[in-house]
Amino acid sequence: MLGRHLEAAPECSKIEPHIFVTHYHWDHIQGIPFFSPFYDEQNHFHFYSFRSEYLGDHSLKRVFEAQMALPYFPVDLSAMSAPREFTEVSGGDQFHVPGARVTARWLHHPQGCLGFRFETSAGTVVYATDNEPGNPKLTESLLELASGADIFINDAQFTPEQLANSRKGWGHSSWLEGVRIAKEAGVKNLVLFHHDPDSTDKAVDVILRDAREKFPNVWAAAEGMAMTLGEENLDVVIPAVREGLRRDTHFRARVTGYTDSGMAFEEETVIRDLSLHGALIYLDHSPKLQSELQVQLDNPGIGGASDATLRLRGYVVRIDTETEKDRTAVGIVFTE
């Protein structure tokens, strides 16, 4: 998806990205052969990762070659016509790339893993995937890496219960550990990342609610989600899901929630553009993205009952200001 996005951007006739590979496990490298900009000779790529004790010198280059060797792929590495440069980095290294100062730190994960801190003029982003609590030295390293970050993206694959029992030693963290690190490191926003493939969206919603009870600025990473740092504000866009049977509706509804400033609100509105998955509503208030809303539909006509009331709970995935109507269009995904 990223490759297609870059190719479609009119200003991107040539790109020269810097790509940081945290480690060499399959779920973090399997997209490489399918990234279409690698096959365009006008592009130029810079890669950064560590020297693996199992692979030796030029580890990342060897990963590229092995992925596309027979019988795993129909063409070999020579089909990638874009020039590629590989730089070996290690925990404790600090260096500059265009627009950012980068710091690397070791994380606690089988066969090794690097976390990265990117300090820019707009703010600081820390990416720390695949790290398991329990190693005091590496936990201290993670705290240093995350210190004061505007955005801290942290592994939250397992629940605290799984991490304490059946998944201990698997190399991953939990939302509760992420909250603890975020508080101690003084980060502004925590992004829960690396969701378990077996977790449903509803399970992730529950994790998000639990985490927000302990740390208010928590986000659940979602595909296509974009976070943009500014001088004072953080802009977050979460693409609205357009799946499911949809109908234009005009249900009266009562909505309760919290605004971006933390003020509780309750107001009457109508539900429009309804599906079994979510809804688009117009409010005078502007609720916080990913905050929870309670929606009560009056007289939805369920089962033929004209006086039925339907109570739904969901979270905000989209905010659009309607300047002409002086109202806010709010996209909701229902969880219950």
Protein backbone atom coordinates (compact mmCIF):
# COMPACT_ATOMS: atom_id res chain seq x y z
CA MET A 1 0.00 0.00 0.00
CA LEU A 2 2.84 2.39 0.81
CA GLY A 3 4.50 1.62 -2.52
CA ARG A 4 1.34 2.37 -4.46
CA HIS A 5 0.81 5.57 -2.44
CA LEU A 6 4.34 6.81 -3.22
CA GLU A 7 3.99 6.01 -6.91
CA ALA A 8 0.66 7.84 -7.14
CA ALA A 9 1.91 11.06 -5.52
CA PRO A 10 2.44 13.62 -8.32
CA GLU A 11 5.46 15.19 -6.63
CA CYS A 12 7.25 11.87 -6.20
CA SER A 13 8.89 11.41 -9.60
CA LYS A 14 11.96 10.22 -7.68
CA ILE A 15 12.25 9.16 -4.05
CA GLU A 16 15.27 8.61 -1.81
CA PRO A 17 13.99 7.17 1.49
CA HIS A 18 15.91 6.08 4.57
CA ILE A 19 14.50 2.77 5.84
CA PHE A 20 15.16 1.39 9.32
CA VAL A 21 14.80 -2.37 9.80
CA THR A 22 14.43 -3.28 13.47
CA HIS A 23 15.22 -7.01 13.05
CA TYR A 24 15.00 -9.91 10.64
CA HIS A 25 11.96 -11.92 11.72
CA TRP A 26 9.54 -12.73 8.90
CA ASP A 27 6.71 -10.44 9.97
CA HIS A 28 9.04 -7.45 9.63
CA ILE A 29 10.69 -8.24 6.29
CA GLN A 30 8.10 -10.13 4.24
CA GLY A 31 6.89 -6.99 2.45
CA ILE A 32 10.31 -6.16 0.98
CA PRO A 33 10.04 -8.11 -2.33
CA PHE A 34 6.58 -6.60 -2.96
CA PHE A 35 7.52 -2.93 -2.48
CA SER A 36 7.16 -1.66 -6.05
CA PRO A 37 9.46 1.43 -5.81
CA PHE A 38 12.43 -0.97 -5.46
CA TYR A 39 11.91 -1.90 -9.10
CA ASP A 40 12.27 1.67 -10.43
CA GLU A 41 15.87 2.63 -11.24
CA GLN A 42 15.24 6.36 -10.66
CA ASN A 43 14.73 5.74 -6.92
CA HIS A 44 17.54 5.39 -4.37
CA PHE A 45 17.27 3.67 -0.98
CA HIS A 46 19.30 3.81 2.23
CA PHE A 47 18.86 0.93 4.69
CA TYR A 48 19.90 0.70 8.33
CA SER A 49 20.00 -2.36 10.57
CA PHE A 50 22.35 -4.41 12.74
CA ARG A 51 24.90 -7.13 12.07
CA SER A 52 23.31 -10.41 13.14
CA GLU A 53 25.49 -12.97 14.89
CA TYR A 54 23.70 -15.61 12.81
CA LEU A 55 24.22 -13.90 9.45
CA GLY A 56 27.52 -12.08 9.89
CA ASP A 57 28.75 -9.18 7.73
CA HIS A 58 26.22 -7.42 5.46
CA SER A 59 23.32 -9.06 7.32
CA LEU A 60 20.53 -6.99 5.79
CA LYS A 61 21.85 -7.38 2.25
CA ARG A 62 22.03 -11.12 2.82
CA VAL A 63 18.42 -11.10 4.01
CA PHE A 64 17.41 -9.41 0.74
CA GLU A 65 19.27 -12.00 -1.28
CA ALA A 66 17.94 -14.98 0.67
CA GLN A 67 14.33 -13.78 0.45
CA MET A 68 14.47 -13.67 -3.33
CA ALA A 69 16.56 -16.79 -3.89
CA LEU A 70 15.17 -19.94 -5.50
CA PRO A 71 12.68 -21.44 -4.74
CA TYR A 72 11.14 -18.62 -2.67
CA PHE A 73 10.58 -15.97 -5.35
CA PRO A 74 10.19 -15.95 -9.15
CA VAL A 75 12.96 -13.35 -9.76
CA ASP A 76 16.21 -12.71 -7.94
CA LEU A 77 17.61 -9.53 -6.41
CA SER A 78 18.86 -8.25 -9.79
CA ALA A 79 15.23 -7.43 -10.69
CA MET A 80 15.34 -4.61 -8.11
CA SER A 81 16.80 -1.89 -10.32
CA ALA A 82 16.78 0.91 -7.72
CA PRO A 83 20.21 1.49 -6.12
CA ARG A 84 20.43 0.38 -2.48
CA GLU A 85 22.91 1.28 0.25
CA PHE A 86 23.20 -0.65 3.53
CA THR A 87 24.54 0.81 6.78
CA GLU A 88 25.19 -1.31 9.86
CA VAL A 89 24.18 0.30 13.15
CA SER A 90 24.16 -0.94 16.73
CA GLY A 91 22.54 -0.12 20.04
CA GLY A 92 23.98 3.16 21.34
CA ASP A 93 24.74 4.58 17.89
CA GLN A 94 23.62 8.11 17.06
CA PHE A 95 23.73 9.63 13.58
CA HIS A 96 21.97 12.06 11.26
CA VAL A 97 19.77 11.55 8.22
CA PRO A 98 18.09 14.40 6.30
CA GLY A 99 15.72 16.13 8.72
CA ALA A 100 16.39 14.00 11.79
CA ARG A 101 18.87 12.91 14.39
CA VAL A 102 18.57 9.16 14.93
CA THR A 103 19.40 7.18 18.06
CA ALA A 104 19.39 3.36 18.15
CA ARG A 105 18.99 1.22 21.27
CA TRP A 106 18.82 -2.54 21.81
CA LEU A 107 15.45 -4.00 22.80
CA HIS A 108 14.70 -7.28 24.59
CA HIS A 109 13.77 -9.71 21.81
CA PRO A 110 15.05 -13.13 20.64
CA GLN A 111 17.95 -12.83 18.15
CA GLY A 112 18.16 -9.08 18.73
CA CYS A 113 16.07 -6.03 17.84
CA LEU A 114 16.68 -2.28 17.60
CA GLY A 115 14.43 0.56 18.67
CA PHE A 116 14.85 3.97 17.02
CA ARG A 117 14.40 7.55 18.20
CA PHE A 118 13.88 10.26 15.55
CA GLU A 119 14.40 13.84 16.73
CA THR A 120 13.10 16.41 14.22
CA SER A 121 12.28 20.10 14.18
CA ALA A 122 8.59 19.21 14.62
CA GLY A 123 9.08 16.82 17.53
CA THR A 124 10.37 13.41 18.56
CA VAL A 125 9.04 10.02 17.49
CA VAL A 126 10.21 6.76 19.09
CA TYR A 127 9.57 3.39 17.43
CA ALA A 128 10.05 0.44 19.81
CA THR A 129 8.52 -2.72 18.46
CA ASP A 130 9.19 -6.28 19.70
CA ASN A 131 10.41 -5.67 23.23
CA GLU A 132 9.65 -7.77 26.29
CA PRO A 133 9.91 -6.41 29.84
CA GLY A 134 12.04 -8.23 32.38
CA ASN A 135 15.61 -7.28 31.48
CA PRO A 136 16.55 -4.34 33.75
CA LYS A 137 19.40 -3.11 31.55
CA LEU A 138 17.32 -3.11 28.37
CA THR A 139 14.32 -1.61 30.17
CA GLU A 140 16.52 1.28 31.26
CA SER A 141 17.72 1.62 27.66
CA LEU A 142 14.10 1.80 26.48
CA LEU A 143 13.32 4.50 29.05
CA GLU A 144 16.24 6.57 27.76
CA LEU A 145 15.11 6.05 24.17
CA ALA A 146 11.51 7.11 24.94
CA SER A 147 12.34 10.02 27.27
CA GLY A 148 10.09 13.02 26.57
CA ALA A 149 8.95 11.71 23.17
CA ASP A 150 5.97 13.36 21.48
CA ILE A 151 4.96 10.00 19.99
CA PHE A 152 6.01 6.68 21.54
CA ILE A 153 5.09 3.68 19.37
CA ASN A 154 5.37 0.58 21.56
CA ASP A 155 4.81 -3.15 21.27
CA ALA A 156 1.48 -4.21 22.83
CA GLN A 157 0.91 -7.66 21.34
CA PHE A 158 -0.09 -9.54 24.46
CA THR A 159 -2.41 -8.89 27.38
CA PRO A 160 -0.80 -8.53 30.82
CA GLU A 161 -2.21 -11.97 31.71
CA GLN A 162 -0.67 -13.62 28.63
CA LEU A 163 2.65 -11.89 29.24
CA ALA A 164 2.78 -13.24 32.79
CA ASN A 165 2.00 -16.82 31.77
CA SER A 166 1.64 -18.49 28.37
CA ARG A 167 3.49 -15.88 26.29
CA LYS A 168 6.36 -15.14 28.62
CA GLY A 169 9.66 -15.33 26.72
CA TRP A 170 8.10 -14.71 23.31
CA GLY A 171 9.70 -11.27 23.03
CA HIS A 172 6.69 -8.97 23.22
CA SER A 173 5.10 -6.46 25.58
CA SER A 174 1.61 -5.43 26.74
CA TRP A 175 -0.45 -2.26 26.86
CA LEU A 176 0.07 -2.08 30.63
CA GLU A 177 3.84 -2.17 30.31
CA GLY A 178 3.63 0.45 27.55
CA VAL A 179 1.62 2.72 29.85
CA ARG A 180 4.19 2.24 32.62
CA ILE A 181 7.08 3.17 30.32
CA ALA A 182 5.14 6.14 28.88
CA LYS A 183 4.45 7.54 32.34
CA GLU A 184 7.99 7.04 33.61
CA ALA A 185 9.59 8.41 30.43
CA GLY A 186 7.26 11.43 30.27
CA VAL A 187 5.98 10.81 26.75
CA LYS A 188 3.05 12.82 25.39
CA ASN A 189 1.31 10.20 23.24
CA LEU A 190 1.47 6.40 23.43
CA VAL A 191 0.64 4.37 20.32
CA LEU A 192 -0.17 0.70 20.93
CA PHE A 193 1.35 -1.28 18.08
CA HIS A 194 2.08 -4.84 16.92
CA HIS A 195 -1.41 -6.14 17.74
CA ASP A 196 -1.70 -9.89 18.04
CA PRO A 197 -2.93 -11.33 14.70
CA ASP A 198 -5.52 -13.32 16.65
CA SER A 199 -6.94 -10.19 18.32
CA THR A 200 -10.22 -8.95 16.87
CA ASP A 201 -10.89 -5.24 16.43
CA LYS A 202 -13.21 -5.50 19.42
CA ALA A 203 -10.40 -6.95 21.54
CA VAL A 204 -8.15 -4.05 20.54
CA ASP A 205 -10.98 -1.65 21.48
CA VAL A 206 -11.11 -3.18 24.96
CA ILE A 207 -7.33 -2.84 25.31
CA LEU A 208 -7.55 0.80 24.26
CA ARG A 209 -10.26 1.53 26.85
CA ASP A 210 -8.25 -0.17 29.60
CA ALA A 211 -5.12 1.75 28.66
CA ARG A 212 -6.91 5.11 28.58
CA GLU A 213 -8.11 4.62 32.12
CA LYS A 214 -4.45 4.78 33.19
CA PHE A 215 -2.95 7.12 30.55
CA PRO A 216 -5.24 9.52 28.64
CA ASN A 217 -3.25 10.04 25.44
CA VAL A 218 -3.25 6.48 24.10
CA TRP A 219 -3.89 5.53 20.48
CA ALA A 220 -4.42 2.13 18.89
CA ALA A 221 -2.40 1.90 15.70
CA ALA A 222 -4.53 1.22 12.62
CA GLU A 223 -3.68 0.67 8.98
CA GLY A 224 -3.60 3.97 7.12
CA MET A 225 -3.54 6.02 10.34
CA ALA A 226 -1.48 9.21 10.01
CA MET A 227 -0.12 11.27 12.91
CA THR A 228 1.37 14.69 12.10
CA LEU A 229 3.37 16.68 14.63
CA GLY A 230 3.05 20.47 14.66
CA GLU A 231 4.38 23.27 16.84
CA GLU A 232 1.80 22.71 19.56
CA ASN A 233 -0.73 20.20 18.28
CA LEU A 234 -0.83 16.60 17.13
CA ASP A 235 -3.03 15.97 14.11
CA VAL A 236 -4.37 12.44 13.77
CA VAL A 237 -6.30 11.02 10.83
CA ILE A 238 -7.83 7.54 10.99
CA PRO A 239 -9.42 6.42 7.70
CA ALA A 240 -13.11 5.67 7.98
CA VAL A 241 -14.04 2.05 7.32
CA ARG A 242 -16.47 1.78 4.43
CA GLU A 243 -17.39 -1.89 4.74
CA GLY A 244 -20.80 -3.40 5.31
CA LEU A 245 -24.32 -2.73 4.13
CA ARG A 246 -25.02 1.01 4.31
CA ARG A 247 -28.30 2.93 4.34
CA ASP A 248 -29.20 6.61 4.38
CA THR A 249 -31.12 7.11 7.62
CA HIS A 250 -32.67 9.82 9.76
CA PHE A 251 -32.79 8.43 13.31
CA ARG A 252 -33.06 10.76 16.27
CA ALA A 253 -30.20 10.06 18.69
CA ARG A 254 -28.65 11.24 21.94
CA VAL A 255 -24.83 11.30 22.06
CA THR A 256 -22.63 11.60 25.15
CA GLY A 257 -18.85 11.80 25.26
CA TYR A 258 -15.88 14.06 25.88
CA THR A 259 -14.42 16.87 23.80
CA ASP A 260 -10.74 17.24 22.97
CA SER A 261 -10.37 19.54 25.99
CA GLY A 262 -11.84 16.89 28.31
CA MET A 263 -15.25 18.55 28.78
CA ALA A 264 -18.19 16.15 29.06
CA PHE A 265 -21.07 16.79 26.66
CA GLU A 266 -24.50 15.45 25.79
CA GLU A 267 -26.56 16.52 22.80
CA GLU A 268 -29.42 15.55 20.52
CA THR A 269 -28.70 14.82 16.86
CA VAL A 270 -29.68 12.52 14.01
CA ILE A 271 -27.90 9.43 12.69
CA ARG A 272 -27.17 9.48 8.96
CA ASP A 273 -25.36 7.08 6.66
CA LEU A 274 -25.75 4.07 8.96
CA SER A 275 -24.20 0.61 8.63
CA LEU A 276 -23.90 -2.29 11.03
CA HIS A 277 -20.29 -1.23 11.41
CA GLY A 278 -20.57 2.48 12.10
CA ALA A 279 -22.28 5.77 11.42
CA LEU A 280 -21.72 9.38 10.37
CA ILE A 281 -23.32 11.97 12.66
CA TYR A 282 -23.20 15.77 12.92
CA LEU A 283 -22.52 17.38 16.28
CA ASP A 284 -22.11 20.87 17.70
CA HIS A 285 -19.30 19.49 19.85
CA SER A 286 -16.00 18.13 18.55
CA PRO A 287 -15.13 14.89 20.37
CA LYS A 288 -11.57 13.66 20.68
CA LEU A 289 -10.36 11.17 18.08
CA GLN A 290 -10.49 7.57 19.33
CA SER A 291 -12.51 8.67 22.36
CA GLU A 292 -15.52 6.59 23.33
CA LEU A 293 -19.06 7.79 22.57
CA GLN A 294 -22.37 6.50 23.88
CA VAL A 295 -25.15 6.70 21.28
CA GLN A 296 -28.83 6.13 22.05
CA LEU A 297 -31.16 5.76 19.06
CA ASP A 298 -34.79 6.61 19.75
CA ASN A 299 -37.49 4.80 17.77
CA PRO A 300 -35.18 2.90 15.42
CA GLY A 301 -38.01 0.54 14.57
CA ILE A 302 -36.22 -2.63 15.60
CA GLY A 303 -38.41 -5.68 15.31
CA GLY A 304 -41.37 -3.50 14.40
CA ALA A 305 -41.48 -1.78 17.80
CA SER A 306 -42.07 1.93 17.39
CA ASP A 307 -40.96 2.78 20.94
CA ALA A 308 -37.73 0.76 20.98
CA THR A 309 -34.47 2.32 22.12
CA LEU A 310 -31.11 1.10 20.81
CA ARG A 311 -28.00 1.89 22.87
CA LEU A 312 -24.67 1.64 21.11
CA ARG A 313 -21.09 2.22 22.17
CA GLY A 314 -18.30 3.12 19.76
CA TYR A 315 -15.25 5.25 19.24
CA VAL A 316 -14.42 8.20 17.01
CA VAL A 317 -12.39 7.44 13.86
CA ARG A 318 -12.95 10.60 11.84
CA ILE A 319 -13.48 14.31 12.45
CA ASP A 320 -14.47 16.72 9.65
CA THR A 321 -15.40 20.31 10.38
CA GLU A 322 -18.40 21.44 8.38
CA THR A 323 -17.70 25.16 8.07
CA GLU A 324 -20.92 26.00 6.25
CA LYS A 325 -23.13 24.32 8.84
CA ASP A 326 -20.87 25.25 11.75
CA ARG A 327 -21.06 21.63 12.87
CA THR A 328 -18.62 18.71 13.08
CA ALA A 329 -19.03 15.53 11.04
CA VAL A 330 -18.05 12.61 13.28
CA GLY A 331 -17.39 9.10 12.01
CA ILE A 332 -18.05 6.37 14.60
CA VAL A 333 -17.13 2.68 14.62
CA PHE A 334 -19.49 0.73 16.86
CA THR A 335 -17.96 -1.78 19.28
CA GLU A 336 -21.08 -2.78 21.18
